[in-house]
Amino acid sequence: MELPPIELPPIKLLRVPANGIEVNVAVSGAGTRPALLLMHGFPHTWQLWSAVIGPLSEHYQVIAPDLRGLGATTRAADGYDAENLATDAEALLAALNIDSAAVVGIDAGAPPAFLLAMRRPDLVRQLVLMEALLGRLPGAEDFLSGGAPWWFGFHAVPGLAETVLTGHEPEYVDWFLAAGTRGRGIPADVRDAFAAAYTGTESLRCAFEHYRAMPTTARQIDDATAGGRGRLTVPTLAIGAQPVGPALYHQLRPIADDVTGRDIAECGHIIPLDRPEVLLALLTEFLH
């Protein structure tokens, strides 16, 4: 006897005022379930989580915003440092009447997720960080032995990258999507959504402001962990793939009270789209 297909909770798109901007956020799952906040990176939108948000919403109230300046969230003039992005997330949760959430951050979403957990351990019950570095914290020396990735410097020069790339945005986004999946690519509809979200000079400027704020973010992380006084007290899972691998775990281990490291073999940087089934298994095990 063939079983009927499982009906997953629908995804609702909301616009929520938070910290002086309007956040575009995808929400799925019943409000009575534990909350799970998902924070994407570059060049992504909330649709980075499209392969996992359905299964996760069976057990959690999933909240997947577009970060400041990205996707359909306000193209803000400034405020792209990790502390302010953490405030965006904190204000979003407050606006949704959520007082406890597990937080997952990848790439550019990881530093604000980390600082939010450092600042509000009463709010962040568990933390998952993936494929990112946390400023200048020790532990990433092997990864950085050949220097930072080339695009960090390109994106950091004010006005340069958006001037060069306007008119060629889809080709540029495609390079990251291919590299981030080890050549396997992502579903066409998600690829098209990413390309559209990063098309136009102002969209590009906002994306690159995240990179231009990195020196400020690094200082904020240094301040939060200075002298061993600042400790990450919430249970934390660090997930590595290619190219970051275990570097993030090595950064977290000296400053975290409870951190577990996991590496996903044969997986590119864009874990939620390249190996969603493995990510779901890791999240299910850790967040139970």
C-alpha atoms as a PDB file:
ATOM      1  CA  MET A   1       0.000   0.000   0.000  1.00  0.00           C
ATOM      2  CA  GLU A   2       1.467   3.327  -1.046  1.00  0.00           C
ATOM      3  CA  LEU A   3       1.611   5.888   1.743  1.00  0.00           C
ATOM      4  CA  PRO A   4       0.360   9.408   1.046  1.00  0.00           C
ATOM      5  CA  PRO A   5       3.059  12.089   0.757  1.00  0.00           C
ATOM      6  CA  ILE A   6       3.957  13.977   3.909  1.00  0.00           C
ATOM      7  CA  GLU A   7       2.537  17.484   3.899  1.00  0.00           C
ATOM      8  CA  LEU A   8       5.166  19.915   5.157  1.00  0.00           C
ATOM      9  CA  PRO A   9       4.182  23.170   6.857  1.00  0.00           C
ATOM     10  CA  PRO A  10       3.908  26.083   4.407  1.00  0.00           C
ATOM     11  CA  ILE A  11       6.516  28.826   4.223  1.00  0.00           C
ATOM     12  CA  LYS A  12       5.271  32.344   4.918  1.00  0.00           C
ATOM     13  CA  LEU A  13       7.200  35.430   3.859  1.00  0.00           C
ATOM     14  CA  LEU A  14       6.915  38.345   6.266  1.00  0.00           C
ATOM     15  CA  ARG A  15       8.342  41.849   6.448  1.00  0.00           C
ATOM     16  CA  VAL A  16       9.270  42.611  10.039  1.00  0.00           C
ATOM     17  CA  PRO A  17      10.520  45.993  11.338  1.00  0.00           C
ATOM     18  CA  ALA A  18      13.701  45.399  13.351  1.00  0.00           C
ATOM     19  CA  ASN A  19      16.594  47.656  14.362  1.00  0.00           C
ATOM     20  CA  GLY A  20      15.641  50.427  11.949  1.00  0.00           C
ATOM     21  CA  ILE A  21      15.171  48.234   8.865  1.00  0.00           C
ATOM     22  CA  GLU A  22      12.522  45.923   7.447  1.00  0.00           C
ATOM     23  CA  VAL A  23      13.651  42.322   7.448  1.00  0.00           C
ATOM     24  CA  ASN A  24      12.320  39.926   4.837  1.00  0.00           C
ATOM     25  CA  VAL A  25      11.945  36.629   6.644  1.00  0.00           C
ATOM     26  CA  ALA A  26      10.686  33.169   5.751  1.00  0.00           C
ATOM     27  CA  VAL A  27       8.824  31.493   8.621  1.00  0.00           C
ATOM     28  CA  SER A  28       7.605  27.911   8.737  1.00  0.00           C
ATOM     29  CA  GLY A  29       6.364  25.601  11.465  1.00  0.00           C
ATOM     30  CA  ALA A  30       4.010  26.087  14.387  1.00  0.00           C
ATOM     31  CA  GLY A  31       4.674  28.959  16.743  1.00  0.00           C
ATOM     32  CA  THR A  32       4.409  26.619  19.743  1.00  0.00           C
ATOM     33  CA  ARG A  33       7.509  24.688  18.636  1.00  0.00           C
ATOM     34  CA  PRO A  34      11.080  25.579  19.634  1.00  0.00           C
ATOM     35  CA  ALA A  35      12.441  28.386  17.468  1.00  0.00           C
ATOM     36  CA  LEU A  36      15.317  27.892  15.046  1.00  0.00           C
ATOM     37  CA  LEU A  37      16.955  30.962  13.466  1.00  0.00           C
ATOM     38  CA  LEU A  38      18.918  30.378  10.242  1.00  0.00           C
ATOM     39  CA  MET A  39      21.420  33.051   9.094  1.00  0.00           C
ATOM     40  CA  HIS A  40      22.785  32.794   5.538  1.00  0.00           C
ATOM     41  CA  GLY A  41      25.921  34.208   3.897  1.00  0.00           C
ATOM     42  CA  PHE A  42      27.157  35.438   0.486  1.00  0.00           C
ATOM     43  CA  PRO A  43      25.895  35.226  -2.239  1.00  0.00           C
ATOM     44  CA  HIS A  44      22.733  33.805  -0.721  1.00  0.00           C
ATOM     45  CA  THR A  45      19.277  34.725   0.524  1.00  0.00           C
ATOM     46  CA  TRP A  46      16.955  32.851   2.882  1.00  0.00           C
ATOM     47  CA  GLN A  47      16.540  30.361   0.026  1.00  0.00           C
ATOM     48  CA  LEU A  48      19.933  28.921   0.905  1.00  0.00           C
ATOM     49  CA  TRP A  49      17.905  26.817   3.376  1.00  0.00           C
ATOM     50  CA  SER A  50      15.243  25.738   0.859  1.00  0.00           C
ATOM     51  CA  ALA A  51      16.273  22.062   0.927  1.00  0.00           C
ATOM     52  CA  VAL A  52      16.157  21.805   4.735  1.00  0.00           C
ATOM     53  CA  ILE A  53      13.551  24.306   5.909  1.00  0.00           C
ATOM     54  CA  GLY A  54      10.652  21.931   5.202  1.00  0.00           C
ATOM     55  CA  PRO A  55      11.934  18.951   7.200  1.00  0.00           C
ATOM     56  CA  LEU A  56      13.145  21.233   9.988  1.00  0.00           C
ATOM     57  CA  SER A  57       9.745  22.901  10.209  1.00  0.00           C
ATOM     58  CA  GLU A  58       8.188  19.589  11.212  1.00  0.00           C
ATOM     59  CA  HIS A  59       9.938  19.985  14.567  1.00  0.00           C
ATOM     60  CA  TYR A  60      10.810  23.684  14.874  1.00  0.00           C
ATOM     61  CA  GLN A  61       9.427  27.106  14.166  1.00  0.00           C
ATOM     62  CA  VAL A  62      11.990  27.960  11.487  1.00  0.00           C
ATOM     63  CA  ILE A  63      12.923  31.612  10.964  1.00  0.00           C
ATOM     64  CA  ALA A  64      15.125  32.321   7.943  1.00  0.00           C
ATOM     65  CA  PRO A  65      15.728  36.040   7.304  1.00  0.00           C
ATOM     66  CA  ASP A  66      17.508  37.806   4.494  1.00  0.00           C
ATOM     67  CA  LEU A  67      20.439  39.544   6.159  1.00  0.00           C
ATOM     68  CA  ARG A  68      20.702  43.334   6.187  1.00  0.00           C
ATOM     69  CA  GLY A  69      20.974  44.699   2.651  1.00  0.00           C
ATOM     70  CA  LEU A  70      20.509  41.294   1.024  1.00  0.00           C
ATOM     71  CA  GLY A  71      17.562  39.633  -0.692  1.00  0.00           C
ATOM     72  CA  ALA A  72      14.406  41.616   0.010  1.00  0.00           C
ATOM     73  CA  THR A  73      15.626  43.126   3.295  1.00  0.00           C
ATOM     74  CA  THR A  74      16.217  46.899   3.421  1.00  0.00           C
ATOM     75  CA  ARG A  75      19.219  48.149   1.449  1.00  0.00           C
ATOM     76  CA  ALA A  76      20.645  49.972   4.448  1.00  0.00           C
ATOM     77  CA  ALA A  77      23.350  52.612   4.103  1.00  0.00           C
ATOM     78  CA  ASP A  78      25.419  51.140   6.926  1.00  0.00           C
ATOM     79  CA  GLY A  79      25.343  48.786   9.911  1.00  0.00           C
ATOM     80  CA  TYR A  80      26.978  45.726   8.319  1.00  0.00           C
ATOM     81  CA  ASP A  81      29.318  44.857  11.197  1.00  0.00           C
ATOM     82  CA  ALA A  82      28.598  41.653  13.104  1.00  0.00           C
ATOM     83  CA  GLU A  83      27.492  43.379  16.315  1.00  0.00           C
ATOM     84  CA  ASN A  84      24.807  45.312  14.472  1.00  0.00           C
ATOM     85  CA  LEU A  85      23.773  42.238  12.475  1.00  0.00           C
ATOM     86  CA  ALA A  86      23.417  40.444  15.821  1.00  0.00           C
ATOM     87  CA  THR A  87      21.194  43.301  16.949  1.00  0.00           C
ATOM     88  CA  ASP A  88      19.134  42.858  13.763  1.00  0.00           C
ATOM     89  CA  ALA A  89      18.628  39.197  14.670  1.00  0.00           C
ATOM     90  CA  GLU A  90      17.865  39.966  18.319  1.00  0.00           C
ATOM     91  CA  ALA A  91      15.292  42.587  17.313  1.00  0.00           C
ATOM     92  CA  LEU A  92      13.731  40.221  14.766  1.00  0.00           C
ATOM     93  CA  LEU A  93      13.249  37.519  17.392  1.00  0.00           C
ATOM     94  CA  ALA A  94      11.760  40.067  19.802  1.00  0.00           C
ATOM     95  CA  ALA A  95       9.352  41.301  17.119  1.00  0.00           C
ATOM     96  CA  LEU A  96       8.234  37.686  16.590  1.00  0.00           C
ATOM     97  CA  ASN A  97       7.763  37.254  20.374  1.00  0.00           C
ATOM     98  CA  ILE A  98      10.501  34.627  20.601  1.00  0.00           C
ATOM     99  CA  ASP A  99      12.503  34.534  23.826  1.00  0.00           C
ATOM    100  CA  SER A 100      14.584  31.403  23.142  1.00  0.00           C
ATOM    101  CA  ALA A 101      16.047  30.094  19.882  1.00  0.00           C
ATOM    102  CA  ALA A 102      18.683  27.789  18.508  1.00  0.00           C
ATOM    103  CA  VAL A 103      20.774  29.802  16.044  1.00  0.00           C
ATOM    104  CA  VAL A 104      22.520  28.534  12.924  1.00  0.00           C
ATOM    105  CA  GLY A 105      24.938  30.737  10.975  1.00  0.00           C
ATOM    106  CA  ILE A 106      27.008  30.029   7.873  1.00  0.00           C
ATOM    107  CA  ASP A 107      29.594  32.200   6.111  1.00  0.00           C
ATOM    108  CA  ALA A 108      28.729  35.886   6.761  1.00  0.00           C
ATOM    109  CA  GLY A 109      25.932  34.752   9.069  1.00  0.00           C
ATOM    110  CA  ALA A 110      28.333  33.036  11.479  1.00  0.00           C
ATOM    111  CA  PRO A 111      30.042  36.043  13.156  1.00  0.00           C
ATOM    112  CA  PRO A 112      26.754  37.752  14.103  1.00  0.00           C
ATOM    113  CA  ALA A 113      25.349  34.423  15.307  1.00  0.00           C
ATOM    114  CA  PHE A 114      28.460  33.981  17.449  1.00  0.00           C
ATOM    115  CA  LEU A 115      28.291  37.487  18.924  1.00  0.00           C
ATOM    116  CA  LEU A 116      24.574  37.110  19.611  1.00  0.00           C
ATOM    117  CA  ALA A 117      25.283  33.933  21.577  1.00  0.00           C
ATOM    118  CA  MET A 118      28.114  35.649  23.456  1.00  0.00           C
ATOM    119  CA  ARG A 119      25.891  38.623  24.310  1.00  0.00           C
ATOM    120  CA  ARG A 120      22.599  36.799  24.966  1.00  0.00           C
ATOM    121  CA  PRO A 121      23.173  33.252  26.252  1.00  0.00           C
ATOM    122  CA  ASP A 122      19.734  33.570  27.807  1.00  0.00           C
ATOM    123  CA  LEU A 123      18.260  33.941  24.305  1.00  0.00           C
ATOM    124  CA  VAL A 124      20.452  31.542  22.293  1.00  0.00           C
ATOM    125  CA  ARG A 125      19.931  28.054  23.694  1.00  0.00           C
ATOM    126  CA  GLN A 126      22.203  26.293  21.140  1.00  0.00           C
ATOM    127  CA  LEU A 127      24.538  27.530  18.417  1.00  0.00           C
ATOM    128  CA  VAL A 128      25.609  25.992  15.108  1.00  0.00           C
ATOM    129  CA  LEU A 129      28.333  27.691  13.045  1.00  0.00           C
ATOM    130  CA  MET A 130      29.422  26.546   9.591  1.00  0.00           C
ATOM    131  CA  GLU A 131      32.115  27.308   7.034  1.00  0.00           C
ATOM    132  CA  ALA A 132      33.305  30.645   8.383  1.00  0.00           C
ATOM    133  CA  LEU A 133      36.141  32.266  10.299  1.00  0.00           C
ATOM    134  CA  LEU A 134      35.685  34.339  13.425  1.00  0.00           C
ATOM    135  CA  GLY A 135      37.838  37.392  12.866  1.00  0.00           C
ATOM    136  CA  ARG A 136      41.439  37.065  13.981  1.00  0.00           C
ATOM    137  CA  LEU A 137      40.911  34.380  16.632  1.00  0.00           C
ATOM    138  CA  PRO A 138      43.786  31.863  16.738  1.00  0.00           C
ATOM    139  CA  GLY A 139      43.229  28.500  15.101  1.00  0.00           C
ATOM    140  CA  ALA A 140      42.843  29.396  11.431  1.00  0.00           C
ATOM    141  CA  GLU A 141      46.547  29.718  10.628  1.00  0.00           C
ATOM    142  CA  ASP A 142      46.663  26.658   8.374  1.00  0.00           C
ATOM    143  CA  PHE A 143      43.634  27.819   6.398  1.00  0.00           C
ATOM    144  CA  LEU A 144      45.128  31.299   5.987  1.00  0.00           C
ATOM    145  CA  SER A 145      48.681  30.175   5.251  1.00  0.00           C
ATOM    146  CA  GLY A 146      48.295  31.212   1.615  1.00  0.00           C
ATOM    147  CA  GLY A 147      46.432  34.404   2.464  1.00  0.00           C
ATOM    148  CA  ALA A 148      42.728  35.203   2.631  1.00  0.00           C
ATOM    149  CA  PRO A 149      40.520  34.179  -0.333  1.00  0.00           C
ATOM    150  CA  TRP A 150      41.063  36.532  -3.288  1.00  0.00           C
ATOM    151  CA  TRP A 151      37.555  37.999  -3.279  1.00  0.00           C
ATOM    152  CA  PHE A 152      37.895  39.347   0.261  1.00  0.00           C
ATOM    153  CA  GLY A 153      40.263  42.060  -0.924  1.00  0.00           C
ATOM    154  CA  PHE A 154      38.315  42.710  -4.132  1.00  0.00           C
ATOM    155  CA  HIS A 155      35.050  43.189  -2.254  1.00  0.00           C
ATOM    156  CA  ALA A 156      36.662  45.324   0.445  1.00  0.00           C
ATOM    157  CA  VAL A 157      37.696  48.245  -1.806  1.00  0.00           C
ATOM    158  CA  PRO A 158      34.873  50.823  -1.616  1.00  0.00           C
ATOM    159  CA  GLY A 159      33.077  51.205  -4.931  1.00  0.00           C
ATOM    160  CA  LEU A 160      35.332  48.921  -6.959  1.00  0.00           C
ATOM    161  CA  ALA A 161      33.618  45.545  -7.149  1.00  0.00           C
ATOM    162  CA  GLU A 162      30.129  46.910  -7.817  1.00  0.00           C
ATOM    163  CA  THR A 163      31.488  49.122 -10.616  1.00  0.00           C
ATOM    164  CA  VAL A 164      33.308  46.231 -12.263  1.00  0.00           C
ATOM    165  CA  LEU A 165      30.541  43.662 -11.845  1.00  0.00           C
ATOM    166  CA  THR A 166      27.384  45.604 -12.726  1.00  0.00           C
ATOM    167  CA  GLY A 167      25.969  43.911 -15.809  1.00  0.00           C
ATOM    168  CA  HIS A 168      27.759  40.634 -15.075  1.00  0.00           C
ATOM    169  CA  GLU A 169      26.153  39.676 -11.789  1.00  0.00           C
ATOM    170  CA  PRO A 170      24.775  36.243 -12.817  1.00  0.00           C
ATOM    171  CA  GLU A 171      28.167  35.099 -14.089  1.00  0.00           C
ATOM    172  CA  TYR A 172      29.832  36.225 -10.868  1.00  0.00           C
ATOM    173  CA  VAL A 173      27.247  34.545  -8.634  1.00  0.00           C
ATOM    174  CA  ASP A 174      27.517  31.361 -10.712  1.00  0.00           C
ATOM    175  CA  TRP A 175      31.250  31.159  -9.998  1.00  0.00           C
ATOM    176  CA  PHE A 176      30.594  31.052  -6.243  1.00  0.00           C
ATOM    177  CA  LEU A 177      27.747  28.566  -6.612  1.00  0.00           C
ATOM    178  CA  ALA A 178      29.891  26.196  -8.678  1.00  0.00           C
ATOM    179  CA  ALA A 179      32.889  26.534  -6.369  1.00  0.00           C
ATOM    180  CA  GLY A 180      30.675  26.138  -3.307  1.00  0.00           C
ATOM    181  CA  THR A 181      29.258  22.819  -4.515  1.00  0.00           C
ATOM    182  CA  ARG A 182      32.464  21.380  -5.997  1.00  0.00           C
ATOM    183  CA  GLY A 183      31.001  21.838  -9.472  1.00  0.00           C
ATOM    184  CA  ARG A 184      27.695  20.114  -8.792  1.00  0.00           C
ATOM    185  CA  GLY A 185      25.586  23.287  -8.848  1.00  0.00           C
ATOM    186  CA  ILE A 186      22.280  24.039  -7.156  1.00  0.00           C
ATOM    187  CA  PRO A 187      18.614  23.871  -8.243  1.00  0.00           C
ATOM    188  CA  ALA A 188      17.874  26.276 -11.102  1.00  0.00           C
ATOM    189  CA  ASP A 189      15.122  28.139  -9.265  1.00  0.00           C
ATOM    190  CA  VAL A 190      17.348  28.842  -6.273  1.00  0.00           C
ATOM    191  CA  ARG A 191      20.219  29.870  -8.547  1.00  0.00           C
ATOM    192  CA  ASP A 192      17.934  32.296 -10.367  1.00  0.00           C
ATOM    193  CA  ALA A 193      16.722  33.749  -7.054  1.00  0.00           C
ATOM    194  CA  PHE A 194      20.298  34.325  -5.903  1.00  0.00           C
ATOM    195  CA  ALA A 195      21.299  35.932  -9.200  1.00  0.00           C
ATOM    196  CA  ALA A 196      18.285  38.258  -9.128  1.00  0.00           C
ATOM    197  CA  ALA A 197      18.948  39.230  -5.506  1.00  0.00           C
ATOM    198  CA  TYR A 198      22.502  40.343  -6.321  1.00  0.00           C
ATOM    199  CA  THR A 199      21.735  42.168  -9.560  1.00  0.00           C
ATOM    200  CA  GLY A 200      22.152  45.940  -9.648  1.00  0.00           C
ATOM    201  CA  THR A 201      24.800  48.296  -8.326  1.00  0.00           C
ATOM    202  CA  GLU A 202      22.995  48.970  -5.042  1.00  0.00           C
ATOM    203  CA  SER A 203      22.406  45.263  -4.373  1.00  0.00           C
ATOM    204  CA  LEU A 204      26.090  44.605  -4.961  1.00  0.00           C
ATOM    205  CA  ARG A 205      27.139  47.511  -2.754  1.00  0.00           C
ATOM    206  CA  CYS A 206      25.129  46.122   0.140  1.00  0.00           C
ATOM    207  CA  ALA A 207      26.626  42.674  -0.355  1.00  0.00           C
ATOM    208  CA  PHE A 208      30.156  44.035  -0.319  1.00  0.00           C
ATOM    209  CA  GLU A 209      29.491  46.207   2.733  1.00  0.00           C
ATOM    210  CA  HIS A 210      29.533  42.968   4.707  1.00  0.00           C
ATOM    211  CA  TYR A 211      33.168  42.515   3.620  1.00  0.00           C
ATOM    212  CA  ARG A 212      34.044  46.173   4.181  1.00  0.00           C
ATOM    213  CA  ALA A 213      32.859  45.827   7.764  1.00  0.00           C
ATOM    214  CA  MET A 214      35.130  42.844   8.451  1.00  0.00           C
ATOM    215  CA  PRO A 215      37.870  44.849  10.229  1.00  0.00           C
ATOM    216  CA  THR A 216      35.215  46.243  12.581  1.00  0.00           C
ATOM    217  CA  THR A 217      33.760  42.758  13.069  1.00  0.00           C
ATOM    218  CA  ALA A 218      37.216  41.365  13.873  1.00  0.00           C
ATOM    219  CA  ARG A 219      37.689  44.022  16.575  1.00  0.00           C
ATOM    220  CA  GLN A 220      34.273  43.215  17.999  1.00  0.00           C
ATOM    221  CA  ILE A 221      35.138  39.515  18.219  1.00  0.00           C
ATOM    222  CA  ASP A 222      38.491  40.360  19.834  1.00  0.00           C
ATOM    223  CA  ASP A 223      36.720  42.542  22.393  1.00  0.00           C
ATOM    224  CA  ALA A 224      34.117  39.865  23.130  1.00  0.00           C
ATOM    225  CA  THR A 225      36.787  37.246  23.846  1.00  0.00           C
ATOM    226  CA  ALA A 226      39.617  39.452  25.204  1.00  0.00           C
ATOM    227  CA  GLY A 227      41.899  37.996  27.824  1.00  0.00           C
ATOM    228  CA  GLY A 228      39.887  34.826  28.152  1.00  0.00           C
ATOM    229  CA  ARG A 229      37.204  36.735  30.064  1.00  0.00           C
ATOM    230  CA  GLY A 230      34.573  36.284  27.382  1.00  0.00           C
ATOM    231  CA  ARG A 231      33.550  32.650  27.046  1.00  0.00           C
ATOM    232  CA  LEU A 232      31.026  31.026  24.750  1.00  0.00           C
ATOM    233  CA  THR A 233      28.821  29.215  27.234  1.00  0.00           C
ATOM    234  CA  VAL A 234      26.020  27.823  25.056  1.00  0.00           C
ATOM    235  CA  PRO A 235      26.362  24.335  23.529  1.00  0.00           C
ATOM    236  CA  THR A 236      27.937  24.810  20.106  1.00  0.00           C
ATOM    237  CA  LEU A 237      28.420  22.709  16.981  1.00  0.00           C
ATOM    238  CA  ALA A 238      31.064  23.740  14.422  1.00  0.00           C
ATOM    239  CA  ILE A 239      30.564  22.194  10.985  1.00  0.00           C
ATOM    240  CA  GLY A 240      33.295  22.302   8.365  1.00  0.00           C
ATOM    241  CA  ALA A 241      33.422  21.315   4.709  1.00  0.00           C
ATOM    242  CA  GLN A 242      35.511  22.695   1.842  1.00  0.00           C
ATOM    243  CA  PRO A 243      37.420  24.971   2.012  1.00  0.00           C
ATOM    244  CA  VAL A 244      37.245  26.037   5.679  1.00  0.00           C
ATOM    245  CA  GLY A 245      37.251  22.549   7.189  1.00  0.00           C
ATOM    246  CA  PRO A 246      38.184  22.351  10.886  1.00  0.00           C
ATOM    247  CA  ALA A 247      39.561  25.909  11.151  1.00  0.00           C
ATOM    248  CA  LEU A 248      36.378  27.242  12.757  1.00  0.00           C
ATOM    249  CA  TYR A 249      36.373  24.465  15.357  1.00  0.00           C
ATOM    250  CA  HIS A 250      40.008  25.225  16.174  1.00  0.00           C
ATOM    251  CA  GLN A 251      39.087  28.883  16.715  1.00  0.00           C
ATOM    252  CA  LEU A 252      36.196  27.997  18.998  1.00  0.00           C
ATOM    253  CA  ARG A 253      37.805  25.292  21.103  1.00  0.00           C
ATOM    254  CA  PRO A 254      39.874  27.602  23.391  1.00  0.00           C
ATOM    255  CA  ILE A 255      36.958  29.955  24.122  1.00  0.00           C
ATOM    256  CA  ALA A 256      33.942  27.621  24.253  1.00  0.00           C
ATOM    257  CA  ASP A 257      32.731  25.645  27.260  1.00  0.00           C
ATOM    258  CA  ASP A 258      30.933  23.032  25.154  1.00  0.00           C
ATOM    259  CA  VAL A 259      31.880  22.747  21.468  1.00  0.00           C
ATOM    260  CA  THR A 260      31.697  19.808  19.081  1.00  0.00           C
ATOM    261  CA  GLY A 261      33.377  19.743  15.681  1.00  0.00           C
ATOM    262  CA  ARG A 262      32.143  17.878  12.624  1.00  0.00           C
ATOM    263  CA  ASP A 263      33.545  17.868   9.091  1.00  0.00           C
ATOM    264  CA  ILE A 264      31.475  16.782   6.084  1.00  0.00           C
ATOM    265  CA  ALA A 265      33.512  14.854   3.529  1.00  0.00           C
ATOM    266  CA  GLU A 266      33.172  15.626  -0.176  1.00  0.00           C
ATOM    267  CA  CYS A 267      31.067  18.692   0.536  1.00  0.00           C
ATOM    268  CA  GLY A 268      31.451  22.215  -0.753  1.00  0.00           C
ATOM    269  CA  HIS A 269      31.132  25.476   1.135  1.00  0.00           C
ATOM    270  CA  ILE A 270      27.368  25.761   0.498  1.00  0.00           C
ATOM    271  CA  ILE A 271      26.504  22.920   2.878  1.00  0.00           C
ATOM    272  CA  PRO A 272      22.689  23.415   3.024  1.00  0.00           C
ATOM    273  CA  LEU A 273      22.386  22.971  -0.745  1.00  0.00           C
ATOM    274  CA  ASP A 274      25.326  20.665  -1.445  1.00  0.00           C
ATOM    275  CA  ARG A 275      24.753  18.075   1.304  1.00  0.00           C
ATOM    276  CA  PRO A 276      21.363  18.898   2.833  1.00  0.00           C
ATOM    277  CA  GLU A 277      20.712  15.343   3.976  1.00  0.00           C
ATOM    278  CA  VAL A 278      23.970  15.239   5.958  1.00  0.00           C
ATOM    279  CA  LEU A 279      23.292  18.667   7.443  1.00  0.00           C
ATOM    280  CA  LEU A 280      19.805  17.586   8.521  1.00  0.00           C
ATOM    281  CA  ALA A 281      21.238  14.533  10.253  1.00  0.00           C
ATOM    282  CA  LEU A 282      23.833  16.632  12.105  1.00  0.00           C
ATOM    283  CA  LEU A 283      21.270  19.242  13.149  1.00  0.00           C
ATOM    284  CA  THR A 284      18.777  16.583  14.266  1.00  0.00           C
ATOM    285  CA  GLU A 285      21.429  14.888  16.407  1.00  0.00           C
ATOM    286  CA  PHE A 286      22.680  18.135  17.952  1.00  0.00           C
ATOM    287  CA  LEU A 287      19.411  20.028  18.457  1.00  0.00           C
ATOM    288  CA  HIS A 288      17.375  17.172  19.930  1.00  0.00           C
END
